[in-house]
């Protein structure tokens, strides 16, 4: 059980993998989907998450390089 959004307790849905309120009996994301559609939703969510994480990694690399250049510039001045 995880806590997100100002103390609201949540858990991960076993079908789609998304976070839901722990009091919910059915997942609002996938309760009306077939098993194949729920699996597609889970794969789509994971692929989007991987893309976002990769983009975040690139952003941190660029920020590191800019910071390093600024530090070297200040050191040389």
N, C-alpha and C. Protein backbone atom coordinates (compact mmCIF):
# COMPACT_ATOMS: atom_id res chain seq x y z
N UNK A 1 0.85 -1.17 0.00
CA UNK A 1 0.00 0.00 0.00
C UNK A 1 0.89 1.24 0.00
N UNK A 2 0.63 2.16 -0.87
CA UNK A 2 1.41 3.39 -0.98
C UNK A 2 0.54 4.58 -0.61
N UNK A 3 1.19 5.68 -0.25
CA UNK A 3 0.46 6.89 0.10
C UNK A 3 0.85 7.98 -0.90
N UNK A 4 -0.12 8.48 -1.62
CA UNK A 4 0.09 9.53 -2.61
C UNK A 4 -0.92 10.64 -2.37
N UNK A 5 -0.67 11.79 -2.91
CA UNK A 5 -1.61 12.91 -2.93
C UNK A 5 -2.17 13.26 -1.56
N UNK A 6 -1.34 13.81 -0.73
CA UNK A 6 -1.76 14.35 0.56
C UNK A 6 -2.35 13.29 1.49
N UNK A 7 -1.71 12.17 1.58
CA UNK A 7 -2.11 11.16 2.55
C UNK A 7 -3.19 10.21 2.11
N UNK A 8 -3.61 10.23 0.87
CA UNK A 8 -4.62 9.29 0.39
C UNK A 8 -3.94 7.95 0.14
N UNK A 9 -4.43 6.91 0.79
CA UNK A 9 -3.82 5.59 0.64
C UNK A 9 -4.27 4.97 -0.67
N UNK A 10 -3.33 4.33 -1.36
CA UNK A 10 -3.67 3.70 -2.62
C UNK A 10 -2.95 2.36 -2.73
N UNK A 11 -3.40 1.60 -3.71
CA UNK A 11 -2.76 0.32 -4.01
C UNK A 11 -2.70 0.18 -5.51
N UNK A 12 -1.93 -0.79 -5.96
CA UNK A 12 -1.78 -1.00 -7.39
C UNK A 12 -2.80 -2.03 -7.87
N UNK A 13 -3.46 -1.73 -8.96
CA UNK A 13 -4.42 -2.66 -9.55
C UNK A 13 -3.66 -3.83 -10.15
N UNK A 14 -4.15 -5.03 -9.91
CA UNK A 14 -3.46 -6.22 -10.42
C UNK A 14 -3.66 -6.40 -11.92
N UNK A 15 -4.72 -5.83 -12.47
CA UNK A 15 -4.98 -5.99 -13.91
C UNK A 15 -4.23 -4.97 -14.75
N UNK A 16 -4.34 -3.67 -14.40
CA UNK A 16 -3.75 -2.63 -15.25
C UNK A 16 -2.48 -2.02 -14.69
N UNK A 17 -2.22 -2.21 -13.40
CA UNK A 17 -1.00 -1.69 -12.81
C UNK A 17 -1.07 -0.25 -12.36
N UNK A 18 -2.20 0.41 -12.54
CA UNK A 18 -2.34 1.81 -12.12
C UNK A 18 -2.72 1.89 -10.64
N UNK A 19 -2.46 3.04 -10.05
CA UNK A 19 -2.77 3.25 -8.64
C UNK A 19 -4.25 3.58 -8.47
N UNK A 20 -4.87 2.95 -7.47
CA UNK A 20 -6.27 3.21 -7.16
C UNK A 20 -6.42 3.39 -5.66
N UNK A 21 -7.48 4.03 -5.25
CA UNK A 21 -7.77 4.21 -3.84
C UNK A 21 -7.98 2.83 -3.21
N UNK A 22 -7.42 2.63 -2.03
CA UNK A 22 -7.50 1.30 -1.41
C UNK A 22 -8.94 0.93 -1.02
N UNK A 23 -9.83 1.90 -0.94
CA UNK A 23 -11.22 1.61 -0.61
C UNK A 23 -12.03 1.16 -1.82
N UNK A 24 -11.52 1.41 -3.02
CA UNK A 24 -12.23 1.03 -4.23
C UNK A 24 -12.28 -0.49 -4.36
N UNK A 25 -13.44 -1.03 -4.68
CA UNK A 25 -13.55 -2.47 -4.91
C UNK A 25 -13.21 -2.82 -6.35
N UNK A 26 -13.48 -1.89 -7.28
CA UNK A 26 -13.16 -2.08 -8.69
C UNK A 26 -12.27 -0.95 -9.16
N UNK A 27 -11.36 -1.28 -10.03
CA UNK A 27 -10.46 -0.26 -10.59
C UNK A 27 -11.23 0.62 -11.56
N UNK A 28 -11.19 1.95 -11.37
CA UNK A 28 -11.91 2.84 -12.28
C UNK A 28 -11.28 2.89 -13.67
N UNK A 29 -10.04 2.43 -13.80
CA UNK A 29 -9.35 2.47 -15.08
C UNK A 29 -9.69 1.28 -15.97
N UNK A 30 -9.88 0.11 -15.37
CA UNK A 30 -10.00 -1.09 -16.19
C UNK A 30 -11.19 -1.99 -15.86
N UNK A 31 -12.08 -1.58 -14.97
CA UNK A 31 -13.17 -2.49 -14.57
C UNK A 31 -14.12 -2.82 -15.73
N UNK A 32 -14.25 -1.91 -16.69
CA UNK A 32 -15.16 -2.16 -17.80
C UNK A 32 -14.42 -2.66 -19.05
N UNK A 33 -13.14 -2.97 -18.93
CA UNK A 33 -12.35 -3.45 -20.05
C UNK A 33 -12.22 -4.97 -20.01
N UNK A 34 -12.02 -5.56 -21.17
CA UNK A 34 -11.74 -6.99 -21.21
C UNK A 34 -10.32 -7.23 -20.73
N UNK A 35 -9.95 -8.47 -20.52
CA UNK A 35 -8.60 -8.78 -20.06
C UNK A 35 -7.54 -8.34 -21.07
N UNK A 36 -7.83 -8.50 -22.35
CA UNK A 36 -6.85 -8.08 -23.36
C UNK A 36 -6.71 -6.57 -23.41
N UNK A 37 -7.83 -5.85 -23.25
CA UNK A 37 -7.76 -4.39 -23.23
C UNK A 37 -7.04 -3.88 -21.97
N UNK A 38 -7.25 -4.55 -20.85
CA UNK A 38 -6.56 -4.17 -19.61
C UNK A 38 -5.06 -4.41 -19.76
N UNK A 39 -4.68 -5.48 -20.43
CA UNK A 39 -3.26 -5.76 -20.67
C UNK A 39 -2.66 -4.71 -21.60
N UNK A 40 -3.42 -4.28 -22.61
CA UNK A 40 -2.95 -3.22 -23.51
C UNK A 40 -2.77 -1.91 -22.74
N UNK A 41 -3.69 -1.61 -21.85
CA UNK A 41 -3.58 -0.40 -21.02
C UNK A 41 -2.33 -0.46 -20.16
N UNK A 42 -2.06 -1.63 -19.57
CA UNK A 42 -0.88 -1.80 -18.73
C UNK A 42 0.40 -1.60 -19.53
N UNK A 43 0.46 -2.17 -20.74
CA UNK A 43 1.64 -2.02 -21.60
C UNK A 43 1.82 -0.58 -22.04
N UNK A 44 0.71 0.08 -22.38
CA UNK A 44 0.77 1.48 -22.78
C UNK A 44 1.28 2.35 -21.64
N UNK A 45 0.78 2.10 -20.43
CA UNK A 45 1.22 2.86 -19.26
C UNK A 45 2.71 2.66 -19.02
N UNK A 46 3.18 1.42 -19.11
CA UNK A 46 4.60 1.15 -18.88
C UNK A 46 5.47 1.80 -19.95
N UNK A 47 5.03 1.76 -21.21
CA UNK A 47 5.83 2.37 -22.28
C UNK A 47 5.88 3.89 -22.11
N UNK A 48 4.77 4.50 -21.73
CA UNK A 48 4.76 5.95 -21.48
C UNK A 48 5.65 6.31 -20.30
N UNK A 49 5.62 5.48 -19.27
CA UNK A 49 6.44 5.72 -18.10
C UNK A 49 7.92 5.63 -18.44
N UNK A 50 8.29 4.65 -19.26
CA UNK A 50 9.68 4.51 -19.69
C UNK A 50 10.12 5.70 -20.53
N UNK A 51 9.25 6.19 -21.39
CA UNK A 51 9.57 7.35 -22.22
C UNK A 51 9.79 8.59 -21.35
N UNK A 52 8.91 8.78 -20.39
CA UNK A 52 9.04 9.94 -19.50
C UNK A 52 10.33 9.86 -18.70
N UNK A 53 10.66 8.68 -18.19
CA UNK A 53 11.89 8.51 -17.42
C UNK A 53 13.12 8.74 -18.28
N UNK A 54 13.10 8.30 -19.54
CA UNK A 54 14.22 8.51 -20.43
C UNK A 54 14.39 10.00 -20.72
N UNK A 55 13.29 10.70 -20.93
CA UNK A 55 13.35 12.14 -21.17
C UNK A 55 13.88 12.88 -19.95
N UNK A 56 13.49 12.44 -18.78
CA UNK A 56 13.97 13.06 -17.55
C UNK A 56 15.48 12.84 -17.40
N UNK A 57 15.95 11.66 -17.75
CA UNK A 57 17.39 11.38 -17.70
C UNK A 57 18.17 12.28 -18.63
N UNK A 58 17.66 12.50 -19.84
CA UNK A 58 18.32 13.40 -20.79
C UNK A 58 18.36 14.82 -20.25
N UNK A 59 17.27 15.25 -19.64
CA UNK A 59 17.22 16.60 -19.08
C UNK A 59 18.28 16.78 -18.00
N UNK A 60 18.42 15.80 -17.12
CA UNK A 60 19.43 15.90 -16.07
C UNK A 60 20.83 15.88 -16.64
N UNK A 61 21.07 15.15 -17.70
CA UNK A 61 22.39 15.15 -18.34
C UNK A 61 22.72 16.53 -18.88
N UNK A 62 21.75 17.16 -19.56
CA UNK A 62 21.98 18.50 -20.10
C UNK A 62 22.20 19.51 -18.98
N UNK A 63 21.43 19.42 -17.92
CA UNK A 63 21.61 20.33 -16.79
C UNK A 63 22.98 20.14 -16.14
N UNK A 64 23.44 18.90 -16.04
CA UNK A 64 24.75 18.62 -15.49
C UNK A 64 25.84 19.25 -16.37
N UNK A 65 25.74 19.09 -17.68
CA UNK A 65 26.74 19.65 -18.58
C UNK A 65 26.76 21.17 -18.53
N UNK A 66 25.59 21.79 -18.46
CA UNK A 66 25.52 23.25 -18.36
C UNK A 66 26.13 23.72 -17.05
N UNK A 67 25.81 23.04 -15.97
CA UNK A 67 26.37 23.40 -14.66
C UNK A 67 27.89 23.23 -14.65
N UNK A 68 28.37 22.15 -15.23
CA UNK A 68 29.81 21.91 -15.31
C UNK A 68 30.51 23.00 -16.11
N UNK A 69 29.92 23.39 -17.23
CA UNK A 69 30.50 24.47 -18.04
C UNK A 69 30.52 25.78 -17.28
N UNK A 70 29.45 26.08 -16.57
CA UNK A 70 29.42 27.32 -15.78
C UNK A 70 30.45 27.30 -14.66
N UNK A 71 30.63 26.15 -14.02
CA UNK A 71 31.62 26.05 -12.96
C UNK A 71 33.03 26.22 -13.51
N UNK A 72 33.30 25.63 -14.66
CA UNK A 72 34.62 25.79 -15.28
C UNK A 72 34.84 27.23 -15.71
N UNK A 73 33.82 27.86 -16.24
CA UNK A 73 33.93 29.27 -16.65
C UNK A 73 34.20 30.16 -15.45
N UNK A 74 33.51 29.93 -14.34
CA UNK A 74 33.75 30.73 -13.14
C UNK A 74 35.11 30.46 -12.54
N UNK A 75 35.60 29.24 -12.67
CA UNK A 75 36.92 28.89 -12.15
C UNK A 75 38.02 29.59 -12.94
N UNK A 76 37.82 29.70 -14.25
CA UNK A 76 38.83 30.30 -15.11
C UNK A 76 38.84 31.81 -15.04
N UNK A 77 37.76 32.42 -14.60
CA UNK A 77 37.68 33.90 -14.53
C UNK A 77 38.32 34.42 -13.31
